[in-house]
PDB file of N, CA and C in Angstrom:
ATOM      1  N   MET A   1      21.755  99.546 -17.112  1.00  0.00           N
ATOM      2  CA  MET A   1      22.487  98.728 -16.641  1.00  0.00           C
ATOM      3  C   MET A   1      21.337  97.127 -15.766  1.00  0.00           C
ATOM      4  N   LEU A   2      20.409  97.308 -15.545  1.00  0.00           N
ATOM      5  CA  LEU A   2      19.834  96.262 -14.881  1.00  0.00           C
ATOM      6  C   LEU A   2      18.980  95.873 -16.159  1.00  0.00           C
ATOM      7  N   LEU A   3      18.705  96.271 -17.277  1.00  0.00           N
ATOM      8  CA  LEU A   3      18.098  95.183 -18.014  1.00  0.00           C
ATOM      9  C   LEU A   3      19.568  94.566 -18.697  1.00  0.00           C
ATOM     10  N   HIS A   4      20.361  94.557 -18.685  1.00  0.00           N
ATOM     11  CA  HIS A   4      21.959  93.767 -19.249  1.00  0.00           C
ATOM     12  C   HIS A   4      21.892  93.109 -18.002  1.00  0.00           C
ATOM     13  N   LEU A   5      21.955  92.801 -16.894  1.00  0.00           N
ATOM     14  CA  LEU A   5      22.396  91.849 -15.855  1.00  0.00           C
ATOM     15  C   LEU A   5      21.163  91.247 -15.876  1.00  0.00           C
ATOM     16  N   ASN A   6      20.350  91.597 -15.973  1.00  0.00           N
ATOM     17  CA  ASN A   6      18.697  90.809 -16.235  1.00  0.00           C
ATOM     18  C   ASN A   6      19.141  89.533 -17.239  1.00  0.00           C
ATOM     19  N   ASN A   7      19.583  90.292 -18.496  1.00  0.00           N
ATOM     20  CA  ASN A   7      19.751  89.205 -20.048  1.00  0.00           C
ATOM     21  C   ASN A   7      21.151  88.644 -19.454  1.00  0.00           C
ATOM     22  N   ALA A   8      21.790  88.547 -18.732  1.00  0.00           N
ATOM     23  CA  ALA A   8      23.320  87.946 -18.325  1.00  0.00           C
ATOM     24  C   ALA A   8      22.655  86.462 -17.277  1.00  0.00           C
ATOM     25  N   LYS A   9      22.163  87.454 -16.458  1.00  0.00           N
ATOM     26  CA  LYS A   9      21.436  86.247 -15.398  1.00  0.00           C
ATOM     27  C   LYS A   9      21.049  85.230 -16.559  1.00  0.00           C
ATOM     28  N   PHE A  10      19.691  85.729 -16.982  1.00  0.00           N
ATOM     29  CA  PHE A  10      18.587  84.379 -17.960  1.00  0.00           C
ATOM     30  C   PHE A  10      20.099  83.462 -18.975  1.00  0.00           C
ATOM     31  N   SER A  11      20.867  84.448 -19.254  1.00  0.00           N
ATOM     32  CA  SER A  11      21.929  83.969 -20.967  1.00  0.00           C
ATOM     33  C   SER A  11      22.775  82.666 -20.077  1.00  0.00           C
ATOM     34  N   SER A  12      22.653  83.052 -18.325  1.00  0.00           N
ATOM     35  CA  SER A  12      23.956  82.111 -17.836  1.00  0.00           C
ATOM     36  C   SER A  12      23.014  81.161 -17.097  1.00  0.00           C
ATOM     37  N   LEU A  13      21.466  81.243 -17.359  1.00  0.00           N
ATOM     38  CA  LEU A  13      20.348  79.845 -16.248  1.00  0.00           C
ATOM     39  C   LEU A  13      19.770  79.267 -17.987  1.00  0.00           C
ATOM     40  N   LYS A  14      20.325  79.786 -18.892  1.00  0.00           N
ATOM     41  CA  LYS A  14      19.480  79.315 -20.307  1.00  0.00           C
ATOM     42  C   LYS A  14      20.545  78.188 -20.732  1.00  0.00           C
ATOM     43  N   ARG A  15      22.149  78.647 -20.319  1.00  0.00           N
ATOM     44  CA  ARG A  15      23.153  78.221 -20.821  1.00  0.00           C
ATOM     45  C   ARG A  15      23.240  77.058 -19.055  1.00  0.00           C
ATOM     46  N   LEU A  16      23.189  77.374 -18.318  1.00  0.00           N
ATOM     47  CA  LEU A  16      22.725  75.920 -17.725  1.00  0.00           C
ATOM     48  C   LEU A  16      21.902  74.953 -17.384  1.00  0.00           C
ATOM     49  N   GLU A  17      21.029  75.672 -17.772  1.00  0.00           N
ATOM     50  CA  GLU A  17      19.898  74.349 -18.516  1.00  0.00           C
ATOM     51  C   GLU A  17      20.044  73.283 -19.784  1.00  0.00           C
ATOM     52  N   MET A  18      21.095  74.384 -20.693  1.00  0.00           N
ATOM     53  CA  MET A  18      20.959  73.607 -21.730  1.00  0.00           C
ATOM     54  C   MET A  18      22.440  72.478 -21.730  1.00  0.00           C
ATOM     55  N   GLU A  19      23.328  73.182 -20.737  1.00  0.00           N
ATOM     56  CA  GLU A  19      24.478  71.445 -20.296  1.00  0.00           C
ATOM     57  C   GLU A  19      23.528  70.539 -19.450  1.00  0.00           C
ATOM     58  N   LYS A  20      22.578  70.930 -18.517  1.00  0.00           N
ATOM     59  CA  LYS A  20      22.436  69.598 -17.607  1.00  0.00           C
ATOM     60  C   LYS A  20      21.562  68.800 -18.823  1.00  0.00           C
ATOM     61  N   ALA A  21      21.005  69.344 -19.634  1.00  0.00           N
ATOM     62  CA  ALA A  21      19.969  68.581 -20.711  1.00  0.00           C
ATOM     63  C   ALA A  21      21.214  67.568 -21.247  1.00  0.00           C
ATOM     64  N   ILE A  22      22.287  68.394 -22.010  1.00  0.00           N
ATOM     65  CA  ILE A  22      23.151  67.530 -22.840  1.00  0.00           C
ATOM     66  C   ILE A  22      24.114  66.414 -22.073  1.00  0.00           C
ATOM     67  N   LEU A  23      24.090  66.755 -20.438  1.00  0.00           N
ATOM     68  CA  LEU A  23      24.429  65.584 -20.106  1.00  0.00           C
ATOM     69  C   LEU A  23      23.809  64.828 -19.975  1.00  0.00           C
ATOM     70  N   LYS A  24      22.430  65.071 -19.409  1.00  0.00           N
ATOM     71  CA  LYS A  24      21.675  63.908 -18.959  1.00  0.00           C
ATOM     72  C   LYS A  24      21.551  63.376 -20.582  1.00  0.00           C
ATOM     73  N   GLN A  25      21.234  63.873 -21.272  1.00  0.00           N
ATOM     74  CA  GLN A  25      21.347  63.224 -22.838  1.00  0.00           C
ATOM     75  C   GLN A  25      22.651  61.731 -23.127  1.00  0.00           C
ATOM     76  N   TRP A  26      23.125  62.364 -22.460  1.00  0.00           N
ATOM     77  CA  TRP A  26      24.980  61.719 -22.618  1.00  0.00           C
ATOM     78  C   TRP A  26      25.394  60.304 -21.479  1.00  0.00           C
ATOM     79  N   ILE A  27      24.910  60.744 -20.236  1.00  0.00           N
ATOM     80  CA  ILE A  27      24.383  59.820 -19.354  1.00  0.00           C
ATOM     81  C   ILE A  27      23.276  58.422 -19.835  1.00  0.00           C
ATOM     82  N   ASN A  28      22.167  59.146 -20.048  1.00  0.00           N
ATOM     83  CA  ASN A  28      21.189  58.213 -20.644  1.00  0.00           C
ATOM     84  C   ASN A  28      21.208  57.572 -21.869  1.00  0.00           C
ATOM     85  N   GLY A  29      21.924  58.236 -22.801  1.00  0.00           N
ATOM     86  CA  GLY A  29      22.277  57.486 -25.083  1.00  0.00           C
ATOM     87  C   GLY A  29      23.637  56.769 -24.189  1.00  0.00           C
ATOM     88  N   TYR A  30      24.478  56.442 -23.303  1.00  0.00           N
ATOM     89  CA  TYR A  30      25.855  56.625 -23.497  1.00  0.00           C
ATOM     90  C   TYR A  30      26.493  55.286 -22.683  1.00  0.00           C
ATOM     91  N   TYR A  31      26.617  56.749 -21.838  1.00  0.00           N
ATOM     92  CA  TYR A  31      26.714  55.943 -20.089  1.00  0.00           C
ATOM     93  C   TYR A  31      26.206  54.596 -20.043  1.00  0.00           C
ATOM     94  N   ASN A  32      24.691  55.020 -19.922  1.00  0.00           N
ATOM     95  CA  ASN A  32      23.874  54.416 -19.225  1.00  0.00           C
ATOM     96  C   ASN A  32      24.106  52.828 -20.483  1.00  0.00           C
ATOM     97  N   VAL A  33      23.596  53.295 -21.117  1.00  0.00           N
ATOM     98  CA  VAL A  33      23.804  51.940 -22.405  1.00  0.00           C
ATOM     99  C   VAL A  33      24.728  51.278 -22.992  1.00  0.00           C
ATOM    100  N   TYR A  34      25.752  51.788 -23.416  1.00  0.00           N
ATOM    101  CA  TYR A  34      26.858  51.353 -23.910  1.00  0.00           C
ATOM    102  C   TYR A  34      27.657  50.952 -22.990  1.00  0.00           C
ATOM    103  N   ARG A  35      28.703  52.099 -22.551  1.00  0.00           N
ATOM    104  CA  ARG A  35      29.604  51.834 -21.737  1.00  0.00           C
ATOM    105  C   ARG A  35      29.398  50.995 -20.744  1.00  0.00           C
ATOM    106  N   PRO A  36      30.244  49.816 -20.637  1.00  0.00           N
ATOM    107  CA  PRO A  36      30.913  48.596 -19.664  1.00  0.00           C
ATOM    108  C   PRO A  36      31.669  49.126 -18.116  1.00  0.00           C
ATOM    109  N   HIS A  37      31.014  48.575 -17.441  1.00  0.00           N
ATOM    110  CA  HIS A  37      31.363  49.083 -16.178  1.00  0.00           C
ATOM    111  C   HIS A  37      31.726  47.693 -15.973  1.00  0.00           C
ATOM    112  N   THR A  38      33.001  48.018 -14.887  1.00  0.00           N
ATOM    113  CA  THR A  38      34.059  46.898 -14.323  1.00  0.00           C
ATOM    114  C   THR A  38      32.707  46.037 -13.386  1.00  0.00           C
ATOM    115  N   ASN A  39      32.171  47.222 -12.665  1.00  0.00           N
ATOM    116  CA  ASN A  39      31.140  46.438 -11.247  1.00  0.00           C
ATOM    117  C   ASN A  39      30.295  45.798 -11.674  1.00  0.00           C
ATOM    118  N   ASN A  40      29.605  45.700 -12.449  1.00  0.00           N
ATOM    119  CA  ASN A  40      29.463  45.144 -13.739  1.00  0.00           C
ATOM    120  C   ASN A  40      29.613  43.291 -14.326  1.00  0.00           C
ATOM    121  N   GLY A  41      30.253  43.761 -14.082  1.00  0.00           N
ATOM    122  CA  GLY A  41      31.531  42.487 -14.924  1.00  0.00           C
ATOM    123  C   GLY A  41      31.434  42.839 -16.322  1.00  0.00           C
ATOM    124  N   GLY A  42      31.839  43.941 -16.646  1.00  0.00           N
ATOM    125  CA  GLY A  42      32.155  44.691 -17.861  1.00  0.00           C
ATOM    126  C   GLY A  42      30.911  44.958 -18.779  1.00  0.00           C
ATOM    127  N   LEU A  43      29.757  44.850 -18.005  1.00  0.00           N
ATOM    128  CA  LEU A  43      27.678  45.380 -18.739  1.00  0.00           C
ATOM    129  C   LEU A  43      27.855  46.737 -19.200  1.00  0.00           C
ATOM    130  N   SER A  44      26.723  47.250 -19.366  1.00  0.00           N
ATOM    131  CA  SER A  44      27.112  48.173 -19.403  1.00  0.00           C
ATOM    132  C   SER A  44      25.630  47.947 -18.195  1.00  0.00           C
ATOM    133  N   PRO A  45      25.347  49.223 -18.107  1.00  0.00           N
ATOM    134  CA  PRO A  45      24.233  49.406 -16.220  1.00  0.00           C
ATOM    135  C   PRO A  45      22.402  48.481 -16.976  1.00  0.00           C
ATOM    136  N   CYS A  46      22.270  48.668 -18.571  1.00  0.00           N
ATOM    137  CA  CYS A  46      21.530  48.637 -18.671  1.00  0.00           C
ATOM    138  C   CYS A  46      21.323  47.244 -19.243  1.00  0.00           C
ATOM    139  N   LEU A  47      22.233  46.355 -19.749  1.00  0.00           N
ATOM    140  CA  LEU A  47      22.214  45.150 -19.715  1.00  0.00           C
ATOM    141  C   LEU A  47      22.429  44.097 -18.706  1.00  0.00           C
ATOM    142  N   HIS A  48      23.288  45.074 -17.721  1.00  0.00           N
ATOM    143  CA  HIS A  48      23.583  44.129 -16.595  1.00  0.00           C
ATOM    144  C   HIS A  48      21.620  44.330 -15.479  1.00  0.00           C
ATOM    145  N   GLU A  49      21.075  44.664 -15.903  1.00  0.00           N
ATOM    146  CA  GLU A  49      19.666  45.588 -15.521  1.00  0.00           C
ATOM    147  C   GLU A  49      19.136  44.263 -16.137  1.00  0.00           C
ATOM    148  N   GLU A  50      19.014  44.004 -17.385  1.00  0.00           N
ATOM    149  CA  GLU A  50      17.562  43.206 -17.673  1.00  0.00           C
ATOM    150  C   GLU A  50      18.405  41.940 -17.711  1.00  0.00           C
ATOM    151  N   LYS A  51      20.386  41.016 -17.487  1.00  0.00           N
ATOM    152  CA  LYS A  51      19.954  40.364 -16.705  1.00  0.00           C
ATOM    153  C   LYS A  51      19.857  39.815 -15.920  1.00  0.00           C
ATOM    154  N   TRP A  52      19.460  41.063 -14.715  1.00  0.00           N
ATOM    155  CA  TRP A  52      19.221  40.484 -13.162  1.00  0.00           C
ATOM    156  C   TRP A  52      17.578  40.529 -13.470  1.00  0.00           C
ATOM    157  N   LYS A  53      17.363  41.269 -14.249  1.00  0.00           N
ATOM    158  CA  LYS A  53      16.380  40.827 -14.069  1.00  0.00           C
ATOM    159  C   LYS A  53      15.561  39.277 -14.582  1.00  0.00           C
ATOM    160  N   GLN A  54      15.799  38.812 -15.797  1.00  0.00           N
ATOM    161  CA  GLN A  54      15.826  37.919 -16.062  1.00  0.00           C
ATOM    162  C   GLN A  54      16.318  36.285 -14.769  1.00  0.00           C
ATOM    163  N   VAL A  55      16.736  36.195 -14.287  1.00  0.00           N
ATOM    164  CA  VAL A  55      17.726  35.476 -13.277  1.00  0.00           C
ATOM    165  C   VAL A  55      16.791  36.173 -12.185  1.00  0.00           C
ATOM    166  N   ILE A  56      16.744  36.636 -11.810  1.00  0.00           N
ATOM    167  CA  ILE A  56      14.984  37.389 -10.591  1.00  0.00           C
ATOM    168  C   ILE A  56      14.290  38.017 -10.625  1.00  0.00           C
ATOM    169  N   PRO A  57      12.789  36.844 -11.143  1.00  0.00           N
ATOM    170  CA  PRO A  57      11.959  37.151 -12.039  1.00  0.00           C
ATOM    171  C   PRO A  57      10.901  37.843 -10.731  1.00  0.00           C
ATOM    172  N   VAL A  58      10.300  38.844 -11.275  1.00  0.00           N
ATOM    173  CA  VAL A  58       9.532  39.579 -10.273  1.00  0.00           C
ATOM    174  C   VAL A  58       7.925  38.779 -10.059  1.00  0.00           C
ATOM    175  N   SER A  59       8.113  38.877  -9.494  1.00  0.00           N
ATOM    176  CA  SER A  59       6.618  38.727  -8.877  1.00  0.00           C
ATOM    177  C   SER A  59       4.777  39.737  -9.062  1.00  0.00           C
TER     178      SER A  59
END
């Protein structure tokens, strides 16, 4: 019985880690790169950041 519970805990932790990885991939691969945001004037966060860097050069 104890072995079964340990396997269940391991499975749920492994699943949680997989779900976190999938979510992270979606955020970094689509949400920040391609998805337009109204707060950024219809630009994706990455494109907005690039335009901002061009306007305000880092010294």
